[in-house]
Amino acid sequence: MNIGWIKILGATFFELMWITGLKYAELPWEWAATCLSIMGSSYCLITAGNTLPVGTAYSVFVGLSSIGTILVEFLGFGILPSFWQLVFMVTLIVGVIGLKLLNEQVER
């Protein structure tokens, strides 16, 4: 696996942390963790662009972050996704897989 894809996964993880932090942080250390997560997400995404096509990397990052946010809300806070959220999550997953496969074909 290309290190760029690992960085995209890291950027997504940090993205989910800071998105959750923006909504739920109250204590100073929680805000500090949120700020560090913003920096971690930005760093991972920017450096992933050194080894991956930027458009593909950003599209996969946004798709994973969107899906991850809905999953965090459901698994962490019990907020059920709507029917349309599920439909569009599946659409995002298909799109992300398609972009990844297309990128692998272009690299050959």
Protein backbone atom coordinates (compact mmCIF):
# COMPACT_ATOMS: atom_id res chain seq x y z
CA MET A 1 0.00 0.00 0.00
CA ASN A 2 1.29 3.42 -0.98
CA ILE A 3 2.24 5.62 2.01
CA GLY A 4 -0.07 8.29 0.57
CA TRP A 5 -3.12 6.10 1.22
CA ILE A 6 -1.99 5.51 4.80
CA LYS A 7 -1.73 9.28 5.21
CA ILE A 8 -5.27 9.67 3.82
CA LEU A 9 -6.49 7.23 6.49
CA GLY A 10 -4.59 9.23 9.13
CA ALA A 11 -6.08 12.50 7.85
CA THR A 12 -9.54 10.94 8.04
CA PHE A 13 -8.96 9.74 11.61
CA PHE A 14 -7.83 13.21 12.72
CA GLU A 15 -10.73 14.77 10.80
CA LEU A 16 -13.24 12.67 12.73
CA MET A 17 -11.57 13.65 16.00
CA TRP A 18 -11.71 17.39 15.35
CA ILE A 19 -15.24 17.32 13.93
CA THR A 20 -16.40 15.56 17.08
CA GLY A 21 -14.33 17.94 19.20
CA LEU A 22 -15.95 21.01 17.66
CA LYS A 23 -19.35 19.75 18.76
CA TYR A 24 -18.58 18.24 22.16
CA ALA A 25 -15.38 19.81 23.54
CA GLU A 26 -15.84 21.74 26.76
CA LEU A 27 -12.64 21.46 28.78
CA PRO A 28 -9.37 23.18 27.80
CA TRP A 29 -7.60 19.88 27.14
CA GLU A 30 -10.46 18.79 24.85
CA TRP A 31 -10.08 22.01 22.86
CA ALA A 32 -6.32 21.45 22.72
CA ALA A 33 -6.86 17.93 21.36
CA THR A 34 -9.30 19.36 18.80
CA CYS A 35 -6.72 21.93 17.63
CA LEU A 36 -3.99 19.28 17.40
CA SER A 37 -6.36 17.08 15.39
CA ILE A 38 -6.96 19.91 12.92
CA MET A 39 -3.21 20.25 12.44
CA GLY A 40 -2.75 16.46 12.14
CA SER A 41 -5.50 16.16 9.56
CA SER A 42 -4.11 19.02 7.49
CA TYR A 43 -0.56 17.69 7.65
CA CYS A 44 -1.54 14.16 6.61
CA LEU A 45 -3.71 15.38 3.74
CA ILE A 46 -1.11 17.84 2.43
CA THR A 47 1.74 15.32 2.54
CA ALA A 48 -0.42 12.61 0.92
CA GLY A 49 -0.58 14.90 -2.11
CA ASN A 50 3.16 14.37 -2.59
CA THR A 51 2.62 10.74 -3.66
CA LEU A 52 -1.01 10.66 -4.85
CA PRO A 53 -2.97 12.61 -7.45
CA VAL A 54 -4.40 15.51 -5.46
CA GLY A 55 -7.93 15.26 -6.89
CA THR A 56 -8.19 11.57 -6.11
CA ALA A 57 -6.66 11.95 -2.65
CA TYR A 58 -9.01 14.76 -1.70
CA SER A 59 -12.08 12.97 -3.07
CA VAL A 60 -11.29 9.80 -1.14
CA PHE A 61 -10.56 11.86 2.00
CA VAL A 62 -13.88 13.72 1.78
CA GLY A 63 -15.80 10.50 1.12
CA LEU A 64 -14.21 8.64 4.02
CA SER A 65 -14.69 11.62 6.33
CA SER A 66 -18.37 11.93 5.41
CA ILE A 67 -19.01 8.25 5.97
CA GLY A 68 -16.95 8.28 9.16
CA THR A 69 -18.87 11.23 10.58
CA ILE A 70 -22.18 9.42 10.15
CA LEU A 71 -20.71 6.26 11.70
CA VAL A 72 -19.28 8.20 14.68
CA GLU A 73 -22.67 9.81 15.29
CA PHE A 74 -24.35 6.41 15.16
CA LEU A 75 -21.83 4.30 17.08
CA GLY A 76 -20.69 6.94 19.55
CA PHE A 77 -23.83 8.95 20.18
CA GLY A 78 -26.73 6.76 19.09
CA ILE A 79 -27.92 9.12 16.34
CA LEU A 80 -29.56 6.97 13.67
CA PRO A 81 -28.82 7.85 10.04
CA SER A 82 -31.79 8.56 7.80
CA PHE A 83 -32.67 6.46 4.77
CA TRP A 84 -31.20 9.10 2.45
CA GLN A 85 -27.98 9.30 4.45
CA LEU A 86 -27.59 5.55 3.99
CA VAL A 87 -28.32 5.79 0.25
CA PHE A 88 -25.74 8.52 -0.22
CA MET A 89 -23.21 6.72 2.01
CA VAL A 90 -23.42 3.72 -0.31
CA THR A 91 -23.03 6.06 -3.30
CA LEU A 92 -19.92 7.58 -1.68
CA ILE A 93 -18.44 4.16 -0.97
CA VAL A 94 -18.93 3.09 -4.60
CA GLY A 95 -17.37 6.36 -5.77
CA VAL A 96 -14.36 6.04 -3.45
CA ILE A 97 -13.75 2.44 -4.56
CA GLY A 98 -14.08 3.52 -8.19
CA LEU A 99 -11.56 6.34 -7.77
CA LYS A 100 -9.10 4.03 -6.02
CA LEU A 101 -9.39 1.40 -8.78
CA LEU A 102 -9.08 4.05 -11.49
CA ASN A 103 -5.99 5.47 -9.81
CA GLU A 104 -4.41 1.97 -9.71
CA GLN A 105 -5.04 1.57 -13.47
CA VAL A 106 -3.44 4.94 -14.24
CA GLU A 107 -0.34 4.08 -12.16
CA ARG A 108 0.35 0.90 -14.17
